[in-house]
Amino acid sequence: MTEKPKSTVEILSLDDGLAACRGTVVVIDVFRAFTTAAMAFKQGARRIVVTDSVTAALALRDQGVGTACMGEIKGAKAAGFDFPNSPWLVSQADFSGQTVILATSNGTAGLVAASGAACL
């Protein structure tokens, strides 16, 4: 009989090693970023592209990857963004069929930091 692989769970902050993570990684930012993303999907977004910087988000929009940028830097709506990181404000928008680009100081930065993981 073969031995079942052991699973481990580690809880890390963004500063404590997400870049070194391998295997399956789950990043949870329940306060804003992923709640805002869920609301964008509820409002019809077809896809959400996440990035870790305002510069990258704006460049993706300029390249035609998405139609709107939403998110924040240190809690404030980033210059040039269409929406802040606000589930309530996003709930007032119509994203039907659109691709939206999301960049935040913590949630999406964590996803990008863990990009070496086998599964996010």
PDB file of N, CA and C in Angstrom:
ATOM      1  N   MET A   1       0.842  -1.159   0.000  1.00  0.00           N
ATOM      2  CA  MET A   1       0.000   0.000   0.000  1.00  0.00           C
ATOM      3  C   MET A   1       0.902   1.242   0.000  1.00  0.00           C
ATOM      4  N   THR A   2       0.575   2.204  -0.875  1.00  0.00           N
ATOM      5  CA  THR A   2       1.374   3.421  -0.930  1.00  0.00           C
ATOM      6  C   THR A   2       0.903   4.409   0.121  1.00  0.00           C
ATOM      7  N   GLU A   3       1.858   5.172   0.602  1.00  0.00           N
ATOM      8  CA  GLU A   3       1.550   6.154   1.628  1.00  0.00           C
ATOM      9  C   GLU A   3       0.924   7.389   0.996  1.00  0.00           C
ATOM     10  N   LYS A   4      -0.123   7.890   1.618  1.00  0.00           N
ATOM     11  CA  LYS A   4      -0.813   9.084   1.138  1.00  0.00           C
ATOM     12  C   LYS A   4       0.075  10.308   1.381  1.00  0.00           C
ATOM     13  N   PRO A   5       0.204  11.202   0.375  1.00  0.00           N
ATOM     14  CA  PRO A   5       1.019  12.406   0.581  1.00  0.00           C
ATOM     15  C   PRO A   5       0.456  13.253   1.717  1.00  0.00           C
ATOM     16  N   LYS A   6       1.350  13.846   2.464  1.00  0.00           N
ATOM     17  CA  LYS A   6       0.923  14.700   3.568  1.00  0.00           C
ATOM     18  C   LYS A   6       0.652  16.106   3.058  1.00  0.00           C
ATOM     19  N   SER A   7      -0.371  16.723   3.614  1.00  0.00           N
ATOM     20  CA  SER A   7      -0.708  18.096   3.278  1.00  0.00           C
ATOM     21  C   SER A   7      -0.274  19.004   4.415  1.00  0.00           C
ATOM     22  N   THR A   8       0.169  20.177   4.058  1.00  0.00           N
ATOM     23  CA  THR A   8       0.489  21.166   5.063  1.00  0.00           C
ATOM     24  C   THR A   8      -0.211  22.467   4.707  1.00  0.00           C
ATOM     25  N   VAL A   9      -0.546  23.192   5.710  1.00  0.00           N
ATOM     26  CA  VAL A   9      -1.141  24.512   5.529  1.00  0.00           C
ATOM     27  C   VAL A   9      -0.239  25.510   6.215  1.00  0.00           C
ATOM     28  N   GLU A  10       0.142  26.539   5.491  1.00  0.00           N
ATOM     29  CA  GLU A  10       0.943  27.610   6.062  1.00  0.00           C
ATOM     30  C   GLU A  10       0.183  28.907   5.850  1.00  0.00           C
ATOM     31  N   ILE A  11       0.149  29.732   6.867  1.00  0.00           N
ATOM     32  CA  ILE A  11      -0.476  31.044   6.760  1.00  0.00           C
ATOM     33  C   ILE A  11       0.647  32.063   6.752  1.00  0.00           C
ATOM     34  N   LEU A  12       0.755  32.790   5.632  1.00  0.00           N
ATOM     35  CA  LEU A  12       1.841  33.750   5.450  1.00  0.00           C
ATOM     36  C   LEU A  12       1.283  35.130   5.134  1.00  0.00           C
ATOM     37  N   SER A  13       2.022  36.148   5.485  1.00  0.00           N
ATOM     38  CA  SER A  13       1.662  37.494   5.044  1.00  0.00           C
ATOM     39  C   SER A  13       2.324  37.725   3.689  1.00  0.00           C
ATOM     40  N   LEU A  14       1.975  38.829   3.053  1.00  0.00           N
ATOM     41  CA  LEU A  14       2.588  39.143   1.761  1.00  0.00           C
ATOM     42  C   LEU A  14       4.093  39.255   1.865  1.00  0.00           C
ATOM     43  N   ASP A  15       4.573  39.728   3.007  1.00  0.00           N
ATOM     44  CA  ASP A  15       6.006  39.948   3.179  1.00  0.00           C
ATOM     45  C   ASP A  15       6.776  38.701   3.593  1.00  0.00           C
ATOM     46  N   ASP A  16       6.086  37.624   3.901  1.00  0.00           N
ATOM     47  CA  ASP A  16       6.754  36.446   4.451  1.00  0.00           C
ATOM     48  C   ASP A  16       6.834  35.255   3.507  1.00  0.00           C
ATOM     49  N   GLY A  17       7.038  35.487   2.256  1.00  0.00           N
ATOM     50  CA  GLY A  17       7.389  34.366   1.426  1.00  0.00           C
ATOM     51  C   GLY A  17       6.426  33.889   0.371  1.00  0.00           C
ATOM     52  N   LEU A  18       5.427  34.667  -0.029  1.00  0.00           N
ATOM     53  CA  LEU A  18       4.538  34.190  -1.083  1.00  0.00           C
ATOM     54  C   LEU A  18       5.297  33.898  -2.373  1.00  0.00           C
ATOM     55  N   ALA A  19       6.339  34.648  -2.643  1.00  0.00           N
ATOM     56  CA  ALA A  19       7.112  34.424  -3.862  1.00  0.00           C
ATOM     57  C   ALA A  19       7.768  33.051  -3.872  1.00  0.00           C
ATOM     58  N   ALA A  20       8.048  32.490  -2.715  1.00  0.00           N
ATOM     59  CA  ALA A  20       8.705  31.184  -2.635  1.00  0.00           C
ATOM     60  C   ALA A  20       7.711  30.031  -2.616  1.00  0.00           C
ATOM     61  N   CYS A  21       6.437  30.322  -2.571  1.00  0.00           N
ATOM     62  CA  CYS A  21       5.419  29.266  -2.473  1.00  0.00           C
ATOM     63  C   CYS A  21       5.350  28.435  -3.745  1.00  0.00           C
ATOM     64  N   ARG A  22       5.134  27.164  -3.557  1.00  0.00           N
ATOM     65  CA  ARG A  22       4.924  26.221  -4.657  1.00  0.00           C
ATOM     66  C   ARG A  22       3.708  25.391  -4.295  1.00  0.00           C
ATOM     67  N   GLY A  23       3.247  24.565  -5.189  1.00  0.00           N
ATOM     68  CA  GLY A  23       2.057  23.773  -4.902  1.00  0.00           C
ATOM     69  C   GLY A  23       0.819  24.617  -5.088  1.00  0.00           C
ATOM     70  N   THR A  24      -0.184  24.397  -4.274  1.00  0.00           N
ATOM     71  CA  THR A  24      -1.430  25.145  -4.354  1.00  0.00           C
ATOM     72  C   THR A  24      -1.405  26.281  -3.352  1.00  0.00           C
ATOM     73  N   VAL A  25      -1.719  27.483  -3.810  1.00  0.00           N
ATOM     74  CA  VAL A  25      -1.724  28.666  -2.966  1.00  0.00           C
ATOM     75  C   VAL A  25      -3.088  29.316  -3.028  1.00  0.00           C
ATOM     76  N   VAL A  26      -3.615  29.696  -1.886  1.00  0.00           N
ATOM     77  CA  VAL A  26      -4.871  30.428  -1.803  1.00  0.00           C
ATOM     78  C   VAL A  26      -4.558  31.773  -1.160  1.00  0.00           C
ATOM     79  N   VAL A  27      -4.903  32.857  -1.859  1.00  0.00           N
ATOM     80  CA  VAL A  27      -4.708  34.205  -1.335  1.00  0.00           C
ATOM     81  C   VAL A  27      -6.086  34.786  -1.082  1.00  0.00           C
ATOM     82  N   ILE A  28      -6.330  35.232   0.147  1.00  0.00           N
ATOM     83  CA  ILE A  28      -7.646  35.747   0.514  1.00  0.00           C
ATOM     84  C   ILE A  28      -7.503  37.175   1.033  1.00  0.00           C
ATOM     85  N   ASP A  29      -8.197  38.076   0.381  1.00  0.00           N
ATOM     86  CA  ASP A  29      -8.287  39.459   0.836  1.00  0.00           C
ATOM     87  C   ASP A  29      -9.783  39.747   0.953  1.00  0.00           C
ATOM     88  N   VAL A  30     -10.372  39.294   2.030  1.00  0.00           N
ATOM     89  CA  VAL A  30     -11.835  39.328   2.156  1.00  0.00           C
ATOM     90  C   VAL A  30     -12.379  40.726   2.388  1.00  0.00           C
ATOM     91  N   PHE A  31     -11.552  41.641   2.795  1.00  0.00           N
ATOM     92  CA  PHE A  31     -12.072  42.959   3.134  1.00  0.00           C
ATOM     93  C   PHE A  31     -12.433  43.782   1.913  1.00  0.00           C
ATOM     94  N   ARG A  32     -11.644  43.709   0.849  1.00  0.00           N
ATOM     95  CA  ARG A  32     -11.952  44.572  -0.276  1.00  0.00           C
ATOM     96  C   ARG A  32     -11.718  43.925  -1.644  1.00  0.00           C
ATOM     97  N   ALA A  33     -10.486  43.609  -1.976  1.00  0.00           N
ATOM     98  CA  ALA A  33     -10.151  43.254  -3.358  1.00  0.00           C
ATOM     99  C   ALA A  33     -11.037  42.157  -3.927  1.00  0.00           C
ATOM    100  N   PHE A  34     -11.163  41.053  -3.216  1.00  0.00           N
ATOM    101  CA  PHE A  34     -11.906  39.948  -3.792  1.00  0.00           C
ATOM    102  C   PHE A  34     -13.406  40.133  -3.651  1.00  0.00           C
ATOM    103  N   THR A  35     -13.845  40.957  -2.706  1.00  0.00           N
ATOM    104  CA  THR A  35     -15.255  41.320  -2.632  1.00  0.00           C
ATOM    105  C   THR A  35     -15.589  42.246  -3.792  1.00  0.00           C
ATOM    106  N   THR A  36     -14.704  43.169  -4.109  1.00  0.00           N
ATOM    107  CA  THR A  36     -14.893  44.048  -5.266  1.00  0.00           C
ATOM    108  C   THR A  36     -14.926  43.222  -6.549  1.00  0.00           C
ATOM    109  N   ALA A  37     -14.035  42.259  -6.667  1.00  0.00           N
ATOM    110  CA  ALA A  37     -14.017  41.389  -7.852  1.00  0.00           C
ATOM    111  C   ALA A  37     -15.312  40.595  -7.961  1.00  0.00           C
ATOM    112  N   ALA A  38     -15.782  40.043  -6.853  1.00  0.00           N
ATOM    113  CA  ALA A  38     -17.034  39.281  -6.871  1.00  0.00           C
ATOM    114  C   ALA A  38     -18.188  40.170  -7.317  1.00  0.00           C
ATOM    115  N   MET A  39     -18.206  41.410  -6.877  1.00  0.00           N
ATOM    116  CA  MET A  39     -19.263  42.331  -7.270  1.00  0.00           C
ATOM    117  C   MET A  39     -19.166  42.660  -8.761  1.00  0.00           C
ATOM    118  N   ALA A  40     -17.948  42.800  -9.274  1.00  0.00           N
ATOM    119  CA  ALA A  40     -17.787  43.059 -10.707  1.00  0.00           C
ATOM    120  C   ALA A  40     -18.341  41.890 -11.525  1.00  0.00           C
ATOM    121  N   PHE A  41     -18.086  40.667 -11.068  1.00  0.00           N
ATOM    122  CA  PHE A  41     -18.678  39.505 -11.747  1.00  0.00           C
ATOM    123  C   PHE A  41     -20.198  39.549 -11.664  1.00  0.00           C
ATOM    124  N   LYS A  42     -20.729  39.906 -10.497  1.00  0.00           N
ATOM    125  CA  LYS A  42     -22.181  40.006 -10.333  1.00  0.00           C
ATOM    126  C   LYS A  42     -22.762  41.038 -11.292  1.00  0.00           C
ATOM    127  N   GLN A  43     -21.984  42.079 -11.572  1.00  0.00           N
ATOM    128  CA  GLN A  43     -22.441  43.147 -12.459  1.00  0.00           C
ATOM    129  C   GLN A  43     -22.119  42.836 -13.928  1.00  0.00           C
ATOM    130  N   GLY A  44     -21.764  41.581 -14.222  1.00  0.00           N
ATOM    131  CA  GLY A  44     -21.635  41.146 -15.608  1.00  0.00           C
ATOM    132  C   GLY A  44     -20.249  41.025 -16.181  1.00  0.00           C
ATOM    133  N   ALA A  45     -19.199  41.316 -15.397  1.00  0.00           N
ATOM    134  CA  ALA A  45     -17.844  41.190 -15.939  1.00  0.00           C
ATOM    135  C   ALA A  45     -17.624  39.767 -16.442  1.00  0.00           C
ATOM    136  N   ARG A  46     -17.049  39.666 -17.608  1.00  0.00           N
ATOM    137  CA  ARG A  46     -16.747  38.364 -18.210  1.00  0.00           C
ATOM    138  C   ARG A  46     -15.465  37.790 -17.646  1.00  0.00           C
ATOM    139  N   ARG A  47     -14.520  38.684 -17.329  1.00  0.00           N
ATOM    140  CA  ARG A  47     -13.188  38.265 -16.890  1.00  0.00           C
ATOM    141  C   ARG A  47     -12.572  39.391 -16.064  1.00  0.00           C
ATOM    142  N   ILE A  48     -11.749  39.021 -15.084  1.00  0.00           N
ATOM    143  CA  ILE A  48     -10.984  40.003 -14.325  1.00  0.00           C
ATOM    144  C   ILE A  48      -9.515  39.620 -14.421  1.00  0.00           C
ATOM    145  N   VAL A  49      -8.711  40.566 -14.869  1.00  0.00           N
ATOM    146  CA  VAL A  49      -7.267  40.388 -14.945  1.00  0.00           C
ATOM    147  C   VAL A  49      -6.676  41.115 -13.746  1.00  0.00           C
ATOM    148  N   VAL A  50      -5.857  40.418 -12.956  1.00  0.00           N
ATOM    149  CA  VAL A  50      -5.251  41.038 -11.784  1.00  0.00           C
ATOM    150  C   VAL A  50      -3.785  41.346 -12.043  1.00  0.00           C
ATOM    151  N   THR A  51      -3.339  42.429 -11.448  1.00  0.00           N
ATOM    152  CA  THR A  51      -1.942  42.813 -11.523  1.00  0.00           C
ATOM    153  C   THR A  51      -1.568  43.473 -10.206  1.00  0.00           C
ATOM    154  N   ASP A  52      -0.277  43.704 -10.018  1.00  0.00           N
ATOM    155  CA  ASP A  52       0.182  44.226  -8.733  1.00  0.00           C
ATOM    156  C   ASP A  52       0.543  45.702  -8.760  1.00  0.00           C
ATOM    157  N   SER A  53       0.309  46.396  -9.882  1.00  0.00           N
ATOM    158  CA  SER A  53       0.687  47.808  -9.920  1.00  0.00           C
ATOM    159  C   SER A  53      -0.251  48.623 -10.786  1.00  0.00           C
ATOM    160  N   VAL A  54      -0.345  49.893 -10.461  1.00  0.00           N
ATOM    161  CA  VAL A  54      -1.138  50.835 -11.244  1.00  0.00           C
ATOM    162  C   VAL A  54      -0.583  50.928 -12.659  1.00  0.00           C
ATOM    163  N   THR A  55       0.723  51.010 -12.770  1.00  0.00           N
ATOM    164  CA  THR A  55       1.375  51.127 -14.080  1.00  0.00           C
ATOM    165  C   THR A  55       1.016  49.951 -14.980  1.00  0.00           C
ATOM    166  N   ALA A  56       1.091  48.739 -14.434  1.00  0.00           N
ATOM    167  CA  ALA A  56       0.761  47.550 -15.220  1.00  0.00           C
ATOM    168  C   ALA A  56      -0.715  47.541 -15.608  1.00  0.00           C
ATOM    169  N   ALA A  57      -1.592  47.934 -14.679  1.00  0.00           N
ATOM    170  CA  ALA A  57      -3.027  47.959 -14.967  1.00  0.00           C
ATOM    171  C   ALA A  57      -3.345  48.938 -16.088  1.00  0.00           C
ATOM    172  N   LEU A  58      -2.796  50.136 -16.007  1.00  0.00           N
ATOM    173  CA  LEU A  58      -3.048  51.143 -17.042  1.00  0.00           C
ATOM    174  C   LEU A  58      -2.481  50.709 -18.388  1.00  0.00           C
ATOM    175  N   ALA A  59      -1.308  50.066 -18.374  1.00  0.00           N
ATOM    176  CA  ALA A  59      -0.713  49.570 -19.621  1.00  0.00           C
ATOM    177  C   ALA A  59      -1.593  48.490 -20.243  1.00  0.00           C
ATOM    178  N   LEU A  60      -2.133  47.588 -19.420  1.00  0.00           N
ATOM    179  CA  LEU A  60      -3.017  46.548 -19.935  1.00  0.00           C
ATOM    180  C   LEU A  60      -4.268  47.159 -20.564  1.00  0.00           C
ATOM    181  N   ARG A  61      -4.830  48.178 -19.911  1.00  0.00           N
ATOM    182  CA  ARG A  61      -6.007  48.841 -20.493  1.00  0.00           C
ATOM    183  C   ARG A  61      -5.631  49.510 -21.815  1.00  0.00           C
ATOM    184  N   ASP A  62      -4.487  50.178 -21.852  1.00  0.00           N
ATOM    185  CA  ASP A  62      -4.032  50.836 -23.085  1.00  0.00           C
ATOM    186  C   ASP A  62      -3.803  49.841 -24.216  1.00  0.00           C
ATOM    187  N   GLN A  63      -3.406  48.613 -23.863  1.00  0.00           N
ATOM    188  CA  GLN A  63      -3.178  47.564 -24.865  1.00  0.00           C
ATOM    189  C   GLN A  63      -4.476  46.887 -25.301  1.00  0.00           C
ATOM    190  N   GLY A  64      -5.591  47.272 -24.693  1.00  0.00           N
ATOM    191  CA  GLY A  64      -6.880  46.700 -25.056  1.00  0.00           C
ATOM    192  C   GLY A  64      -7.214  45.404 -24.348  1.00  0.00           C
ATOM    193  N   VAL A  65      -6.457  45.072 -23.310  1.00  0.00           N
ATOM    194  CA  VAL A  65      -6.718  43.831 -22.572  1.00  0.00           C
ATOM    195  C   VAL A  65      -8.029  43.924 -21.805  1.00  0.00           C
ATOM    196  N   GLY A  66      -8.327  45.108 -21.274  1.00  0.00           N
ATOM    197  CA  GLY A  66      -9.557  45.318 -20.519  1.00  0.00           C
ATOM    198  C   GLY A  66     -10.121  46.686 -20.813  1.00  0.00           C
ATOM    199  N   THR A  67     -11.362  46.887 -20.383  1.00  0.00           N
ATOM    200  CA  THR A  67     -12.031  48.157 -20.655  1.00  0.00           C
ATOM    201  C   THR A  67     -12.024  49.110 -19.473  1.00  0.00           C
ATOM    202  N   ALA A  68     -11.822  48.603 -18.271  1.00  0.00           N
ATOM    203  CA  ALA A  68     -11.851  49.450 -17.073  1.00  0.00           C
ATOM    204  C   ALA A  68     -10.815  48.975 -16.077  1.00  0.00           C
ATOM    205  N   CYS A  69     -10.239  49.931 -15.351  1.00  0.00           N
ATOM    206  CA  CYS A  69      -9.316  49.628 -14.262  1.00  0.00           C
ATOM    207  C   CYS A  69     -10.000  49.961 -12.944  1.00  0.00           C
ATOM    208  N   MET A  70      -9.851  49.070 -11.973  1.00  0.00           N
ATOM    209  CA  MET A  70     -10.374  49.340 -10.637  1.00  0.00           C
ATOM    210  C   MET A  70      -9.340  48.889  -9.617  1.00  0.00           C
ATOM    211  N   GLY A  71      -9.374  49.542  -8.452  1.00  0.00           N
ATOM    212  CA  GLY A  71      -8.448  49.176  -7.396  1.00  0.00           C
ATOM    213  C   GLY A  71      -7.974  50.379  -6.625  1.00  0.00           C
ATOM    214  N   GLU A  72      -6.875  50.183  -5.907  1.00  0.00           N
ATOM    215  CA  GLU A  72      -6.378  51.228  -5.015  1.00  0.00           C
ATOM    216  C   GLU A  72      -4.889  51.091  -4.785  1.00  0.00           C
ATOM    217  N   ILE A  73      -4.343  52.183  -4.280  1.00  0.00           N
ATOM    218  CA  ILE A  73      -2.986  52.197  -3.764  1.00  0.00           C
ATOM    219  C   ILE A  73      -3.069  52.833  -2.380  1.00  0.00           C
ATOM    220  N   LYS A  74      -2.668  52.074  -1.364  1.00  0.00           N
ATOM    221  CA  LYS A  74      -2.739  52.529   0.031  1.00  0.00           C
ATOM    222  C   LYS A  74      -4.127  53.051   0.389  1.00  0.00           C
ATOM    223  N   GLY A  75      -5.152  52.381  -0.122  1.00  0.00           N
ATOM    224  CA  GLY A  75      -6.525  52.692   0.238  1.00  0.00           C
ATOM    225  C   GLY A  75      -7.232  53.720  -0.620  1.00  0.00           C
ATOM    226  N   ALA A  76      -6.524  54.435  -1.469  1.00  0.00           N
ATOM    227  CA  ALA A  76      -7.139  55.470  -2.299  1.00  0.00           C
ATOM    228  C   ALA A  76      -7.204  55.027  -3.757  1.00  0.00           C
ATOM    229  N   LYS A  77      -8.258  55.472  -4.440  1.00  0.00           N
ATOM    230  CA  LYS A  77      -8.390  55.175  -5.871  1.00  0.00           C
ATOM    231  C   LYS A  77      -7.144  55.668  -6.591  1.00  0.00           C
ATOM    232  N   ALA A  78      -6.588  54.811  -7.422  1.00  0.00           N
ATOM    233  CA  ALA A  78      -5.377  55.152  -8.151  1.00  0.00           C
ATOM    234  C   ALA A  78      -5.692  56.146  -9.268  1.00  0.00           C
ATOM    235  N   ALA A  79      -4.785  57.068  -9.496  1.00  0.00           N
ATOM    236  CA  ALA A  79      -4.937  58.041 -10.574  1.00  0.00           C
ATOM    237  C   ALA A  79      -5.079  57.310 -11.905  1.00  0.00           C
ATOM    238  N   GLY A  80      -6.075  57.689 -12.680  1.00  0.00           N
ATOM    239  CA  GLY A  80      -6.315  57.077 -13.979  1.00  0.00           C
ATOM    240  C   GLY A  80      -7.226  55.873 -13.943  1.00  0.00           C
ATOM    241  N   PHE A  81      -7.582  55.404 -12.752  1.00  0.00           N
ATOM    242  CA  PHE A  81      -8.477  54.256 -12.635  1.00  0.00           C
ATOM    243  C   PHE A  81      -9.928  54.715 -12.793  1.00  0.00           C
ATOM    244  N   ASP A  82     -10.752  53.797 -13.256  1.00  0.00           N
ATOM    245  CA  ASP A  82     -12.168  54.086 -13.448  1.00  0.00           C
ATOM    246  C   ASP A  82     -12.973  53.919 -12.163  1.00  0.00           C
ATOM    247  N   PHE A  83     -12.533  53.010 -11.305  1.00  0.00           N
ATOM    248  CA  PHE A  83     -13.240  52.716 -10.056  1.00  0.00           C
ATOM    249  C   PHE A  83     -12.234  52.492  -8.939  1.00  0.00           C
ATOM    250  N   PRO A  84     -12.595  52.883  -7.712  1.00  0.00           N
ATOM    251  CA  PRO A  84     -11.753  52.532  -6.571  1.00  0.00           C
ATOM    252  C   PRO A  84     -11.989  51.073  -6.196  1.00  0.00           C
ATOM    253  N   ASN A  85     -11.363  50.629  -5.146  1.00  0.00           N
ATOM    254  CA  ASN A  85     -11.545  49.266  -4.631  1.00  0.00           C
ATOM    255  C   ASN A  85     -12.766  49.277  -3.707  1.00  0.00           C
ATOM    256  N   SER A  86     -13.937  49.459  -4.306  1.00  0.00           N
ATOM    257  CA  SER A  86     -15.167  49.632  -3.538  1.00  0.00           C
ATOM    258  C   SER A  86     -16.264  48.719  -4.060  1.00  0.00           C
ATOM    259  N   PRO A  87     -16.601  47.677  -3.307  1.00  0.00           N
ATOM    260  CA  PRO A  87     -17.701  46.812  -3.748  1.00  0.00           C
ATOM    261  C   PRO A  87     -18.994  47.589  -3.979  1.00  0.00           C
ATOM    262  N   TRP A  88     -19.275  48.573  -3.147  1.00  0.00           N
ATOM    263  CA  TRP A  88     -20.520  49.316  -3.306  1.00  0.00           C
ATOM    264  C   TRP A  88     -20.523  50.113  -4.600  1.00  0.00           C
ATOM    265  N   LEU A  89     -19.449  50.845  -4.900  1.00  0.00           N
ATOM    266  CA  LEU A  89     -19.406  51.621  -6.147  1.00  0.00           C
ATOM    267  C   LEU A  89     -19.419  50.713  -7.372  1.00  0.00           C
ATOM    268  N   VAL A  90     -18.729  49.604  -7.297  1.00  0.00           N
ATOM    269  CA  VAL A  90     -18.732  48.649  -8.409  1.00  0.00           C
ATOM    270  C   VAL A  90     -20.132  48.055  -8.603  1.00  0.00           C
ATOM    271  N   SER A  91     -20.897  47.941  -7.508  1.00  0.00           N
ATOM    272  CA  SER A  91     -22.263  47.405  -7.621  1.00  0.00           C
ATOM    273  C   SER A  91     -23.190  48.338  -8.387  1.00  0.00           C
ATOM    274  N   GLN A  92     -22.776  49.584  -8.603  1.00  0.00           N
ATOM    275  CA  GLN A  92     -23.572  50.553  -9.342  1.00  0.00           C
ATOM    276  C   GLN A  92     -23.228  50.573 -10.831  1.00  0.00           C
ATOM    277  N   ALA A  93     -22.217  49.805 -11.244  1.00  0.00           N
ATOM    278  CA  ALA A  93     -21.728  49.815 -12.629  1.00  0.00           C
ATOM    279  C   ALA A  93     -22.293  48.651 -13.431  1.00  0.00           C
ATOM    280  N   ASP A  94     -22.230  48.800 -14.735  1.00  0.00           N
ATOM    281  CA  ASP A  94     -22.624  47.722 -15.645  1.00  0.00           C
ATOM    282  C   ASP A  94     -21.366  47.249 -16.370  1.00  0.00           C
ATOM    283  N   PHE A  95     -20.898  46.063 -16.043  1.00  0.00           N
ATOM    284  CA  PHE A  95     -19.710  45.486 -16.668  1.00  0.00           C
ATOM    285  C   PHE A  95     -20.065  44.383 -17.666  1.00  0.00           C
ATOM    286  N   SER A  96     -21.271  44.358 -18.146  1.00  0.00           N
ATOM    287  CA  SER A  96     -21.755  43.278 -19.009  1.00  0.00           C
ATOM    288  C   SER A  96     -20.758  42.934 -20.117  1.00  0.00           C
ATOM    289  N   GLY A  97     -20.234  41.711 -20.058  1.00  0.00           N
ATOM    290  CA  GLY A  97     -19.341  41.190 -21.082  1.00  0.00           C
ATOM    291  C   GLY A  97     -17.942  41.769 -21.099  1.00  0.00           C
ATOM    292  N   GLN A  98     -17.613  42.630 -20.153  1.00  0.00           N
ATOM    293  CA  GLN A  98     -16.316  43.308 -20.164  1.00  0.00           C
ATOM    294  C   GLN A  98     -15.231  42.521 -19.435  1.00  0.00           C
ATOM    295  N   THR A  99     -13.990  42.827 -19.795  1.00  0.00           N
ATOM    296  CA  THR A  99     -12.836  42.402 -19.022  1.00  0.00           C
ATOM    297  C   THR A  99     -12.405  43.603 -18.197  1.00  0.00           C
ATOM    298  N   VAL A 100     -12.261  43.386 -16.900  1.00  0.00           N
ATOM    299  CA  VAL A 100     -11.896  44.444 -15.964  1.00  0.00           C
ATOM    300  C   VAL A 100     -10.513  44.128 -15.404  1.00  0.00           C
ATOM    301  N   ILE A 101      -9.714  45.163 -15.188  1.00  0.00           N
ATOM    302  CA  ILE A 101      -8.368  45.005 -14.647  1.00  0.00           C
ATOM    303  C   ILE A 101      -8.381  45.496 -13.201  1.00  0.00           C
ATOM    304  N   LEU A 102      -7.879  44.672 -12.289  1.00  0.00           N
ATOM    305  CA  LEU A 102      -7.901  44.975 -10.852  1.00  0.00           C
ATOM    306  C   LEU A 102      -6.482  44.987 -10.302  1.00  0.00           C
ATOM    307  N   ALA A 103      -6.122  46.081  -9.641  1.00  0.00           N
ATOM    308  CA  ALA A 103      -4.812  46.194  -8.986  1.00  0.00           C
ATOM    309  C   ALA A 103      -5.014  46.786  -7.599  1.00  0.00           C
ATOM    310  N   THR A 104      -4.504  46.096  -6.581  1.00  0.00           N
ATOM    311  CA  THR A 104      -4.626  46.574  -5.203  1.00  0.00           C
ATOM    312  C   THR A 104      -3.297  46.406  -4.474  1.00  0.00           C
ATOM    313  N   SER A 105      -3.190  47.106  -3.368  1.00  0.00           N
ATOM    314  CA  SER A 105      -1.946  47.072  -2.584  1.00  0.00           C
ATOM    315  C   SER A 105      -1.686  45.720  -1.940  1.00  0.00           C
ATOM    316  N   ASN A 106      -2.742  44.958  -1.643  1.00  0.00           N
ATOM    317  CA  ASN A 106      -2.556  43.710  -0.915  1.00  0.00           C
ATOM    318  C   ASN A 106      -3.076  42.482  -1.665  1.00  0.00           C
ATOM    319  N   GLY A 107      -4.363  42.398  -1.907  1.00  0.00           N
ATOM    320  CA  GLY A 107      -4.952  41.187  -2.486  1.00  0.00           C
ATOM    321  C   GLY A 107      -4.349  40.779  -3.809  1.00  0.00           C
ATOM    322  N   THR A 108      -4.373  41.667  -4.805  1.00  0.00           N
ATOM    323  CA  THR A 108      -3.823  41.290  -6.104  1.00  0.00           C
ATOM    324  C   THR A 108      -2.307  41.228  -6.062  1.00  0.00           C
ATOM    325  N   ALA A 109      -1.695  42.050  -5.219  1.00  0.00           N
ATOM    326  CA  ALA A 109      -0.241  41.968  -5.061  1.00  0.00           C
ATOM    327  C   ALA A 109       0.154  40.590  -4.530  1.00  0.00           C
ATOM    328  N   GLY A 110      -0.668  40.038  -3.638  1.00  0.00           N
ATOM    329  CA  GLY A 110      -0.420  38.691  -3.122  1.00  0.00           C
ATOM    330  C   GLY A 110      -0.532  37.630  -4.199  1.00  0.00           C
ATOM    331  N   LEU A 111      -1.535  37.763  -5.055  1.00  0.00           N
ATOM    332  CA  LEU A 111      -1.676  36.801  -6.161  1.00  0.00           C
ATOM    333  C   LEU A 111      -0.462  36.845  -7.071  1.00  0.00           C
ATOM    334  N   VAL A 112      -0.029  38.030  -7.435  1.00  0.00           N
ATOM    335  CA  VAL A 112       1.119  38.159  -8.312  1.00  0.00           C
ATOM    336  C   VAL A 112       2.379  37.644  -7.634  1.00  0.00           C
ATOM    337  N   ALA A 113       2.524  37.921  -6.334  1.00  0.00           N
ATOM    338  CA  ALA A 113       3.706  37.444  -5.592  1.00  0.00           C
ATOM    339  C   ALA A 113       3.775  35.921  -5.569  1.00  0.00           C
ATOM    340  N   ALA A 114       2.615  35.283  -5.603  1.00  0.00           N
ATOM    341  CA  ALA A 114       2.557  33.809  -5.552  1.00  0.00           C
ATOM    342  C   ALA A 114       2.502  33.196  -6.952  1.00  0.00           C
ATOM    343  N   SER A 115       2.906  33.926  -7.952  1.00  0.00           N
ATOM    344  CA  SER A 115       2.767  33.435  -9.328  1.00  0.00           C
ATOM    345  C   SER A 115       3.618  32.200  -9.630  1.00  0.00           C
ATOM    346  N   GLY A 116       4.558  31.845  -8.762  1.00  0.00           N
ATOM    347  CA  GLY A 116       5.343  30.640  -8.951  1.00  0.00           C
ATOM    348  C   GLY A 116       4.638  29.387  -8.468  1.00  0.00           C
ATOM    349  N   ALA A 117       3.456  29.539  -7.873  1.00  0.00           N
ATOM    350  CA  ALA A 117       2.704  28.393  -7.374  1.00  0.00           C
ATOM    351  C   ALA A 117       2.163  27.577  -8.533  1.00  0.00           C
ATOM    352  N   ALA A 118       1.967  26.290  -8.299  1.00  0.00           N
ATOM    353  CA  ALA A 118       1.418  25.424  -9.324  1.00  0.00           C
ATOM    354  C   ALA A 118      -0.046  25.736  -9.588  1.00  0.00           C
ATOM    355  N   CYS A 119      -0.754  26.160  -8.566  1.00  0.00           N
ATOM    356  CA  CYS A 119      -2.176  26.426  -8.688  1.00  0.00           C
ATOM    357  C   CYS A 119      -2.535  27.554  -7.736  1.00  0.00           C
ATOM    358  N   LEU A 120      -3.231  28.558  -8.251  1.00  0.00           N
ATOM    359  CA  LEU A 120      -3.678  29.686  -7.421  1.00  0.00           C
ATOM    360  C   LEU A 120      -5.174  29.622  -7.291  1.00  0.00           C
TER     361      LEU A 120
END
